[in-house]
């Protein structure tokens, strides 16, 4: 009688595949990458989330288009004086700092792309936990003022980290 050994690689490939798929879909940067942020006048903006240090560092760099209903929401762990610059940013932006209550604490309007090094930095007057970048002119077009409320609901995977 022949000694038959089980094929060890046969069953492990599907299991490995399932593990890899589970890992990829459970990563925070693989889901809920965009949320709706509502400006005080009711306008909805589709905001891409920048949560990790790498995402926050890159921001909207190298993009040549941003729609009037699009933006990027930077999320920090705590309130602080976070400075922003426009290095490698190709489009002018409005930069809006929000405190932990999601109130506007500072606005830089029509910030131009950086012409060369060194790039100027923009710092809020008050500490902020969130920064919303919009296409230049959107803060004025939507009547944004200091201490206005911006509404949004963060995905569970972000709320659980904070």
N, C-alpha and C. Protein backbone atom coordinates (compact mmCIF):
# COMPACT_ATOMS: atom_id res chain seq x y z
N UNK A 1 0.83 -1.17 0.00
CA UNK A 1 0.00 0.00 0.00
C UNK A 1 0.88 1.24 0.00
N UNK A 2 0.44 2.23 -0.74
CA UNK A 2 1.16 3.47 -0.89
C UNK A 2 0.86 4.39 0.30
N UNK A 3 1.88 5.10 0.75
CA UNK A 3 1.70 6.07 1.82
C UNK A 3 1.29 7.41 1.18
N UNK A 4 0.08 7.88 1.46
CA UNK A 4 -0.42 9.11 0.85
C UNK A 4 -0.33 10.22 1.88
N UNK A 5 0.38 11.30 1.49
CA UNK A 5 0.52 12.46 2.36
C UNK A 5 -0.47 13.54 1.91
N UNK A 6 -1.08 14.20 2.85
CA UNK A 6 -1.98 15.29 2.47
C UNK A 6 -1.21 16.44 1.83
N UNK A 7 -1.85 17.13 0.90
CA UNK A 7 -1.23 18.29 0.24
C UNK A 7 -1.40 19.50 1.15
N UNK A 8 -0.32 19.92 1.75
CA UNK A 8 -0.40 21.01 2.73
C UNK A 8 -0.66 22.35 2.05
N UNK A 9 -0.15 22.58 0.88
CA UNK A 9 -0.34 23.86 0.20
C UNK A 9 -1.73 24.05 -0.35
N UNK A 10 -2.47 22.97 -0.56
CA UNK A 10 -3.78 23.04 -1.19
C UNK A 10 -4.78 23.79 -0.33
N UNK A 11 -4.85 23.46 0.95
CA UNK A 11 -5.81 24.12 1.84
C UNK A 11 -5.31 25.46 2.35
N UNK A 12 -4.03 25.64 2.43
CA UNK A 12 -3.52 26.88 3.00
C UNK A 12 -3.67 28.06 2.03
N UNK A 13 -3.70 27.86 0.74
CA UNK A 13 -3.85 28.95 -0.21
C UNK A 13 -5.20 29.64 -0.07
N UNK A 14 -6.33 28.91 -0.04
CA UNK A 14 -7.61 29.60 0.18
C UNK A 14 -7.67 30.31 1.54
N UNK A 15 -7.11 29.70 2.55
CA UNK A 15 -7.14 30.32 3.88
C UNK A 15 -6.30 31.59 3.88
N UNK A 16 -5.12 31.52 3.27
CA UNK A 16 -4.28 32.71 3.17
C UNK A 16 -4.98 33.81 2.39
N UNK A 17 -5.66 33.45 1.31
CA UNK A 17 -6.39 34.43 0.51
C UNK A 17 -7.48 35.11 1.33
N UNK A 18 -8.23 34.31 2.09
CA UNK A 18 -9.27 34.87 2.94
C UNK A 18 -8.68 35.79 4.00
N UNK A 19 -7.56 35.40 4.57
CA UNK A 19 -6.92 36.24 5.57
C UNK A 19 -6.47 37.57 4.97
N UNK A 20 -5.90 37.54 3.78
CA UNK A 20 -5.44 38.75 3.11
C UNK A 20 -6.62 39.67 2.78
N UNK A 21 -7.68 39.10 2.26
CA UNK A 21 -8.87 39.89 1.93
C UNK A 21 -9.44 40.52 3.20
N UNK A 22 -9.53 39.74 4.28
CA UNK A 22 -10.04 40.27 5.55
C UNK A 22 -9.16 41.41 6.04
N UNK A 23 -7.87 41.24 5.95
CA UNK A 23 -6.93 42.27 6.40
C UNK A 23 -7.12 43.56 5.60
N UNK A 24 -7.21 43.43 4.28
CA UNK A 24 -7.34 44.62 3.43
C UNK A 24 -8.65 45.35 3.69
N UNK A 25 -9.73 44.64 3.86
CA UNK A 25 -11.02 45.28 4.06
C UNK A 25 -11.21 45.79 5.48
N UNK A 26 -10.39 45.35 6.41
CA UNK A 26 -10.51 45.83 7.79
C UNK A 26 -9.62 47.03 8.05
N UNK A 27 -8.79 47.41 7.11
CA UNK A 27 -7.93 48.56 7.28
C UNK A 27 -8.73 49.84 7.15
N UNK A 28 -8.52 50.81 8.04
CA UNK A 28 -9.30 52.03 7.99
C UNK A 28 -9.15 52.79 6.68
N UNK A 29 -7.99 52.74 6.05
CA UNK A 29 -7.82 53.49 4.81
C UNK A 29 -8.44 52.78 3.61
N UNK A 30 -9.13 51.69 3.82
CA UNK A 30 -9.76 50.95 2.74
C UNK A 30 -11.26 51.20 2.67
N UNK A 31 -11.82 51.87 3.67
CA UNK A 31 -13.26 52.10 3.67
C UNK A 31 -13.55 53.46 4.30
N UNK A 32 -14.74 53.97 4.07
CA UNK A 32 -15.15 55.24 4.65
C UNK A 32 -14.11 56.33 4.44
N UNK A 33 -13.60 56.43 3.24
CA UNK A 33 -12.56 57.40 2.92
C UNK A 33 -13.14 58.79 2.70
N UNK A 34 -14.44 58.87 2.48
CA UNK A 34 -15.11 60.14 2.23
C UNK A 34 -16.32 60.28 3.14
N UNK A 35 -16.59 61.49 3.56
CA UNK A 35 -17.80 61.78 4.34
C UNK A 35 -18.46 63.03 3.76
N UNK A 36 -19.69 63.27 4.19
CA UNK A 36 -20.37 64.52 3.83
C UNK A 36 -20.20 65.49 5.00
N UNK A 37 -19.73 66.68 4.67
CA UNK A 37 -19.67 67.76 5.64
C UNK A 37 -20.70 68.80 5.21
N UNK A 38 -21.46 69.29 6.16
CA UNK A 38 -22.52 70.26 5.86
C UNK A 38 -22.12 71.62 6.38
N UNK A 39 -22.06 72.58 5.45
CA UNK A 39 -21.74 73.95 5.81
C UNK A 39 -22.97 74.59 6.45
N UNK A 40 -22.80 75.71 7.15
CA UNK A 40 -23.94 76.32 7.85
C UNK A 40 -25.13 76.66 6.95
N UNK A 41 -24.88 76.92 5.66
CA UNK A 41 -25.99 77.24 4.75
C UNK A 41 -26.68 75.99 4.21
N UNK A 42 -26.24 74.79 4.66
CA UNK A 42 -26.85 73.54 4.23
C UNK A 42 -26.16 72.86 3.08
N UNK A 43 -25.19 73.53 2.45
CA UNK A 43 -24.48 72.91 1.33
C UNK A 43 -23.67 71.72 1.82
N UNK A 44 -23.78 70.59 1.09
CA UNK A 44 -23.01 69.39 1.41
C UNK A 44 -21.73 69.38 0.60
N UNK A 45 -20.65 69.05 1.27
CA UNK A 45 -19.34 68.91 0.64
C UNK A 45 -18.88 67.48 0.85
N UNK A 46 -18.43 66.84 -0.22
CA UNK A 46 -17.85 65.50 -0.08
C UNK A 46 -16.39 65.70 0.30
N UNK A 47 -16.07 65.33 1.54
CA UNK A 47 -14.73 65.55 2.07
C UNK A 47 -13.95 64.24 2.16
N UNK A 48 -12.81 64.22 1.53
CA UNK A 48 -11.89 63.10 1.66
C UNK A 48 -11.21 63.23 3.01
N UNK A 49 -11.06 62.12 3.73
CA UNK A 49 -10.47 62.14 5.06
C UNK A 49 -8.95 62.00 5.01
N UNK A 50 -8.27 62.82 5.79
CA UNK A 50 -6.83 62.73 5.98
C UNK A 50 -6.62 62.52 7.48
N UNK A 51 -6.36 61.27 7.85
CA UNK A 51 -6.34 60.88 9.26
C UNK A 51 -4.93 60.52 9.73
N UNK A 52 -4.21 59.76 8.94
CA UNK A 52 -2.87 59.33 9.34
C UNK A 52 -1.87 60.46 9.07
N UNK A 53 -0.72 60.43 9.75
CA UNK A 53 0.29 61.45 9.47
C UNK A 53 0.68 61.50 7.99
N UNK A 54 0.78 60.35 7.34
CA UNK A 54 1.14 60.31 5.92
C UNK A 54 0.06 60.98 5.06
N UNK A 55 -1.22 60.69 5.35
CA UNK A 55 -2.33 61.30 4.60
C UNK A 55 -2.37 62.81 4.84
N UNK A 56 -2.16 63.22 6.08
CA UNK A 56 -2.17 64.66 6.39
C UNK A 56 -1.00 65.37 5.72
N UNK A 57 0.15 64.72 5.66
CA UNK A 57 1.32 65.32 5.03
C UNK A 57 1.10 65.54 3.54
N UNK A 58 0.48 64.57 2.89
CA UNK A 58 0.26 64.67 1.44
C UNK A 58 -0.90 65.61 1.10
N UNK A 59 -1.98 65.54 1.87
CA UNK A 59 -3.11 66.43 1.64
C UNK A 59 -3.57 66.45 0.19
N UNK A 60 -3.73 67.63 -0.35
CA UNK A 60 -4.18 67.79 -1.74
C UNK A 60 -3.02 68.07 -2.70
N UNK A 61 -1.83 67.68 -2.32
CA UNK A 61 -0.66 67.88 -3.20
C UNK A 61 -0.86 67.21 -4.55
N UNK A 62 -0.35 67.86 -5.58
CA UNK A 62 -0.29 67.34 -6.95
C UNK A 62 -1.64 67.18 -7.64
N UNK A 63 -2.71 67.62 -7.02
CA UNK A 63 -4.02 67.54 -7.67
C UNK A 63 -4.24 68.82 -8.46
N UNK A 64 -4.79 68.66 -9.64
CA UNK A 64 -5.00 69.85 -10.48
C UNK A 64 -6.47 70.25 -10.56
N UNK A 65 -7.33 69.58 -9.81
CA UNK A 65 -8.75 69.93 -9.84
C UNK A 65 -9.40 69.60 -8.49
N UNK A 66 -10.29 70.49 -8.09
CA UNK A 66 -11.12 70.26 -6.91
C UNK A 66 -12.45 70.94 -7.19
N UNK A 67 -13.52 70.17 -7.16
CA UNK A 67 -14.84 70.70 -7.44
C UNK A 67 -15.35 71.59 -6.30
N UNK A 68 -16.35 72.40 -6.59
CA UNK A 68 -16.90 73.30 -5.57
C UNK A 68 -17.63 72.54 -4.47
N UNK A 69 -17.94 71.28 -4.71
CA UNK A 69 -18.61 70.46 -3.69
C UNK A 69 -17.67 69.38 -3.13
N UNK A 70 -16.36 69.61 -3.27
CA UNK A 70 -15.36 68.66 -2.79
C UNK A 70 -14.41 69.35 -1.83
N UNK A 71 -13.76 68.54 -1.00
CA UNK A 71 -12.77 69.08 -0.08
C UNK A 71 -12.00 67.97 0.59
N UNK A 72 -11.18 68.35 1.54
CA UNK A 72 -10.43 67.38 2.34
C UNK A 72 -10.55 67.79 3.79
N UNK A 73 -10.86 66.82 4.65
CA UNK A 73 -10.97 67.06 6.08
C UNK A 73 -9.80 66.39 6.79
N UNK A 74 -8.97 67.20 7.42
CA UNK A 74 -7.83 66.72 8.19
C UNK A 74 -8.30 66.53 9.63
N UNK A 75 -8.00 65.37 10.18
CA UNK A 75 -8.45 65.04 11.53
C UNK A 75 -7.22 64.81 12.41
N UNK A 76 -7.18 65.54 13.50
CA UNK A 76 -6.07 65.41 14.45
C UNK A 76 -6.59 64.82 15.76
N UNK A 77 -5.68 64.30 16.56
CA UNK A 77 -6.05 63.63 17.81
C UNK A 77 -6.55 64.62 18.86
N UNK A 78 -6.00 65.83 18.85
CA UNK A 78 -6.37 66.82 19.86
C UNK A 78 -6.27 68.22 19.28
N UNK A 79 -6.88 69.16 19.96
CA UNK A 79 -6.81 70.55 19.52
C UNK A 79 -5.39 71.08 19.70
N UNK A 80 -4.96 71.86 18.69
CA UNK A 80 -3.64 72.47 18.75
C UNK A 80 -3.56 73.51 17.64
N UNK A 81 -2.44 74.18 17.53
CA UNK A 81 -2.22 75.18 16.49
C UNK A 81 -1.51 74.51 15.31
N UNK A 82 -2.26 73.87 14.43
CA UNK A 82 -1.70 73.15 13.29
C UNK A 82 -1.49 74.12 12.13
N UNK A 83 -0.24 74.18 11.67
CA UNK A 83 0.06 75.07 10.55
C UNK A 83 -0.02 74.28 9.24
N UNK A 84 -0.39 74.98 8.19
CA UNK A 84 -0.52 74.39 6.86
C UNK A 84 0.28 75.22 5.88
N UNK A 85 0.74 74.55 4.83
CA UNK A 85 1.42 75.23 3.74
C UNK A 85 0.93 74.65 2.44
N UNK A 86 1.36 75.24 1.34
CA UNK A 86 0.84 74.87 0.02
C UNK A 86 1.91 74.24 -0.86
N UNK A 87 2.92 73.65 -0.25
CA UNK A 87 3.98 73.02 -1.04
C UNK A 87 3.39 71.93 -1.94
N UNK A 88 3.74 71.97 -3.22
CA UNK A 88 3.29 71.01 -4.24
C UNK A 88 1.77 70.99 -4.41
N UNK A 89 1.09 72.01 -3.91
CA UNK A 89 -0.35 72.12 -4.12
C UNK A 89 -0.56 73.00 -5.34
N UNK A 90 -1.30 72.49 -6.31
CA UNK A 90 -1.40 73.14 -7.62
C UNK A 90 -2.60 74.08 -7.75
N UNK A 91 -3.53 74.01 -6.80
CA UNK A 91 -4.75 74.82 -6.90
C UNK A 91 -4.90 75.69 -5.65
N UNK A 92 -5.42 76.89 -5.81
CA UNK A 92 -5.65 77.72 -4.63
C UNK A 92 -6.78 77.15 -3.77
N UNK A 93 -6.67 77.36 -2.47
CA UNK A 93 -7.61 76.76 -1.53
C UNK A 93 -8.08 77.76 -0.49
N UNK A 94 -9.23 77.47 0.10
CA UNK A 94 -9.66 78.09 1.35
C UNK A 94 -9.34 77.06 2.43
N UNK A 95 -8.68 77.49 3.50
CA UNK A 95 -8.32 76.59 4.60
C UNK A 95 -9.11 77.03 5.82
N UNK A 96 -9.89 76.11 6.38
CA UNK A 96 -10.81 76.42 7.46
C UNK A 96 -10.49 75.53 8.66
N UNK A 97 -10.08 76.15 9.76
CA UNK A 97 -9.77 75.42 10.99
C UNK A 97 -11.03 75.34 11.85
N UNK A 98 -11.28 74.16 12.42
CA UNK A 98 -12.46 73.92 13.27
C UNK A 98 -12.01 73.40 14.63
N UNK A 99 -12.64 73.87 15.69
CA UNK A 99 -12.29 73.34 17.01
C UNK A 99 -12.99 72.00 17.24
N UNK A 100 -12.85 71.45 18.44
CA UNK A 100 -13.42 70.12 18.71
C UNK A 100 -14.95 70.13 18.68
N UNK A 101 -15.55 71.32 18.76
CA UNK A 101 -17.02 71.45 18.65
C UNK A 101 -17.44 71.71 17.21
N UNK A 102 -16.46 71.66 16.30
CA UNK A 102 -16.68 71.84 14.86
C UNK A 102 -17.12 73.25 14.50
N UNK A 103 -16.67 74.18 15.31
CA UNK A 103 -16.91 75.59 15.03
C UNK A 103 -15.70 76.16 14.29
N UNK A 104 -15.95 77.03 13.34
CA UNK A 104 -14.88 77.69 12.59
C UNK A 104 -14.12 78.62 13.53
N UNK A 105 -12.81 78.39 13.67
CA UNK A 105 -11.99 79.25 14.53
C UNK A 105 -10.99 80.09 13.73
N UNK A 106 -10.82 79.76 12.45
CA UNK A 106 -9.92 80.56 11.61
C UNK A 106 -10.17 80.19 10.15
N UNK A 107 -10.06 81.18 9.27
CA UNK A 107 -10.21 80.94 7.83
C UNK A 107 -9.09 81.67 7.10
N UNK A 108 -8.41 80.96 6.23
CA UNK A 108 -7.48 81.57 5.28
C UNK A 108 -8.12 81.43 3.92
N UNK A 109 -8.43 82.55 3.30
CA UNK A 109 -9.16 82.55 2.03
C UNK A 109 -8.20 82.68 0.85
N UNK A 110 -8.55 81.97 -0.22
CA UNK A 110 -7.81 82.08 -1.49
C UNK A 110 -6.30 81.96 -1.32
N UNK A 111 -5.89 80.92 -0.62
CA UNK A 111 -4.46 80.69 -0.40
C UNK A 111 -3.86 80.17 -1.70
N UNK A 112 -2.87 80.88 -2.25
CA UNK A 112 -2.31 80.48 -3.55
C UNK A 112 -1.33 79.32 -3.41
N UNK A 113 -1.09 78.60 -4.51
CA UNK A 113 -0.04 77.58 -4.51
C UNK A 113 1.30 78.24 -4.15
N UNK A 114 2.18 77.46 -3.58
CA UNK A 114 3.50 77.96 -3.18
C UNK A 114 4.36 78.17 -4.42
N UNK A 115 4.90 79.38 -4.61
CA UNK A 115 5.71 79.65 -5.80
C UNK A 115 7.11 79.04 -5.76
N UNK A 116 7.61 78.74 -4.57
CA UNK A 116 8.94 78.15 -4.42
C UNK A 116 9.34 78.16 -2.96
N UNK A 117 10.44 77.47 -2.67
CA UNK A 117 10.90 77.38 -1.28
C UNK A 117 11.51 78.69 -0.83
N UNK A 118 11.29 79.08 0.40
CA UNK A 118 10.44 78.44 1.39
C UNK A 118 8.97 78.84 1.19
N UNK A 119 8.08 77.92 1.48
CA UNK A 119 6.65 78.18 1.38
C UNK A 119 6.16 78.84 2.67
N UNK A 120 5.28 79.82 2.55
CA UNK A 120 4.72 80.39 3.78
C UNK A 120 3.81 79.39 4.49
N UNK A 121 3.76 79.50 5.80
CA UNK A 121 2.86 78.67 6.61
C UNK A 121 1.70 79.51 7.08
N UNK A 122 0.55 78.85 7.24
CA UNK A 122 -0.67 79.50 7.70
C UNK A 122 -1.06 78.84 9.01
N UNK A 123 -1.25 79.67 10.05
CA UNK A 123 -1.51 79.17 11.39
C UNK A 123 -2.81 79.80 11.90
N UNK A 124 -3.65 79.01 12.58
CA UNK A 124 -4.91 79.58 13.09
C UNK A 124 -4.67 80.47 14.31
N UNK A 125 -5.66 81.30 14.61
CA UNK A 125 -5.60 82.15 15.80
C UNK A 125 -5.93 81.36 17.07
N UNK A 126 -6.75 80.32 16.90
CA UNK A 126 -7.19 79.50 18.03
C UNK A 126 -6.86 78.04 17.72
N UNK A 127 -6.75 77.21 18.75
CA UNK A 127 -6.47 75.79 18.51
C UNK A 127 -7.61 75.13 17.72
N UNK A 128 -7.24 74.14 16.93
CA UNK A 128 -8.21 73.41 16.11
C UNK A 128 -7.95 71.92 16.20
N UNK A 129 -8.99 71.16 15.94
CA UNK A 129 -8.88 69.69 15.89
C UNK A 129 -9.08 69.20 14.47
N UNK A 130 -9.78 69.99 13.65
CA UNK A 130 -10.08 69.62 12.27
C UNK A 130 -9.69 70.79 11.36
N UNK A 131 -9.30 70.45 10.15
CA UNK A 131 -9.06 71.47 9.13
C UNK A 131 -9.75 71.01 7.86
N UNK A 132 -10.57 71.88 7.32
CA UNK A 132 -11.29 71.59 6.09
C UNK A 132 -10.72 72.46 4.98
N UNK A 133 -10.23 71.80 3.92
CA UNK A 133 -9.74 72.53 2.75
C UNK A 133 -10.79 72.44 1.65
N UNK A 134 -11.10 73.61 1.09
CA UNK A 134 -12.07 73.71 0.01
C UNK A 134 -11.45 74.47 -1.15
N UNK A 135 -12.08 74.36 -2.30
CA UNK A 135 -11.66 75.12 -3.47
C UNK A 135 -11.71 76.61 -3.11
N UNK A 136 -10.72 77.37 -3.55
CA UNK A 136 -10.67 78.79 -3.23
C UNK A 136 -11.97 79.47 -3.63
N UNK A 137 -12.45 80.34 -2.76
CA UNK A 137 -13.67 81.08 -2.99
C UNK A 137 -14.90 80.47 -2.35
N UNK A 138 -14.81 79.21 -1.93
CA UNK A 138 -15.98 78.53 -1.36
C UNK A 138 -16.36 79.07 0.02
N UNK A 139 -15.38 79.52 0.80
CA UNK A 139 -15.71 80.08 2.11
C UNK A 139 -16.60 81.32 1.94
N UNK A 140 -16.22 82.20 1.02
CA UNK A 140 -17.03 83.40 0.77
C UNK A 140 -18.35 83.06 0.09
N UNK A 141 -18.30 82.18 -0.91
CA UNK A 141 -19.51 81.82 -1.63
C UNK A 141 -20.57 81.23 -0.71
N UNK A 142 -20.12 80.52 0.32
CA UNK A 142 -21.06 79.89 1.25
C UNK A 142 -21.22 80.68 2.55
N UNK A 143 -20.67 81.89 2.59
CA UNK A 143 -20.87 82.78 3.73
C UNK A 143 -20.27 82.31 5.04
N UNK A 144 -19.17 81.55 4.98
CA UNK A 144 -18.55 81.04 6.21
C UNK A 144 -17.95 82.19 7.02
N UNK A 145 -18.23 82.17 8.34
CA UNK A 145 -17.69 83.17 9.25
C UNK A 145 -17.16 82.47 10.50
N UNK A 146 -16.40 83.22 11.27
CA UNK A 146 -15.88 82.68 12.53
C UNK A 146 -17.02 82.20 13.42
N UNK A 147 -16.81 81.07 14.03
CA UNK A 147 -17.70 80.42 14.99
C UNK A 147 -18.96 79.82 14.37
N UNK A 148 -19.03 79.81 13.02
CA UNK A 148 -20.08 79.04 12.35
C UNK A 148 -19.84 77.56 12.64
N UNK A 149 -20.90 76.79 12.57
CA UNK A 149 -20.84 75.35 12.84
C UNK A 149 -20.79 74.58 11.52
N UNK A 150 -19.85 73.65 11.39
CA UNK A 150 -19.79 72.71 10.27
C UNK A 150 -20.17 71.36 10.83
N UNK A 151 -21.09 70.67 10.18
CA UNK A 151 -21.59 69.38 10.69
C UNK A 151 -21.06 68.23 9.86
N UNK A 152 -20.65 67.17 10.53
CA UNK A 152 -20.26 65.93 9.87
C UNK A 152 -20.25 64.82 10.90
N UNK A 153 -20.41 63.61 10.41
CA UNK A 153 -20.36 62.42 11.27
C UNK A 153 -19.15 61.61 10.83
N UNK A 154 -18.28 61.34 11.77
CA UNK A 154 -17.08 60.57 11.47
C UNK A 154 -17.41 59.08 11.49
N UNK A 155 -16.74 58.30 10.64
CA UNK A 155 -16.94 56.84 10.66
C UNK A 155 -16.52 56.26 12.02
N UNK A 156 -17.10 55.13 12.36
CA UNK A 156 -16.81 54.47 13.65
C UNK A 156 -15.32 54.23 13.85
N UNK A 157 -14.61 53.83 12.79
CA UNK A 157 -13.20 53.50 12.97
C UNK A 157 -12.38 54.71 13.38
N UNK A 158 -12.86 55.92 13.09
CA UNK A 158 -12.16 57.13 13.55
C UNK A 158 -12.61 57.47 14.96
N UNK A 159 -13.91 57.43 15.20
CA UNK A 159 -14.43 57.75 16.54
C UNK A 159 -13.83 56.83 17.59
N UNK A 160 -13.63 55.57 17.26
CA UNK A 160 -13.07 54.61 18.22
C UNK A 160 -11.60 54.88 18.53
N UNK A 161 -10.92 55.59 17.64
CA UNK A 161 -9.49 55.92 17.86
C UNK A 161 -9.34 57.12 18.76
N UNK A 162 -10.37 57.94 18.86
CA UNK A 162 -10.20 59.21 19.58
C UNK A 162 -10.57 59.13 21.02
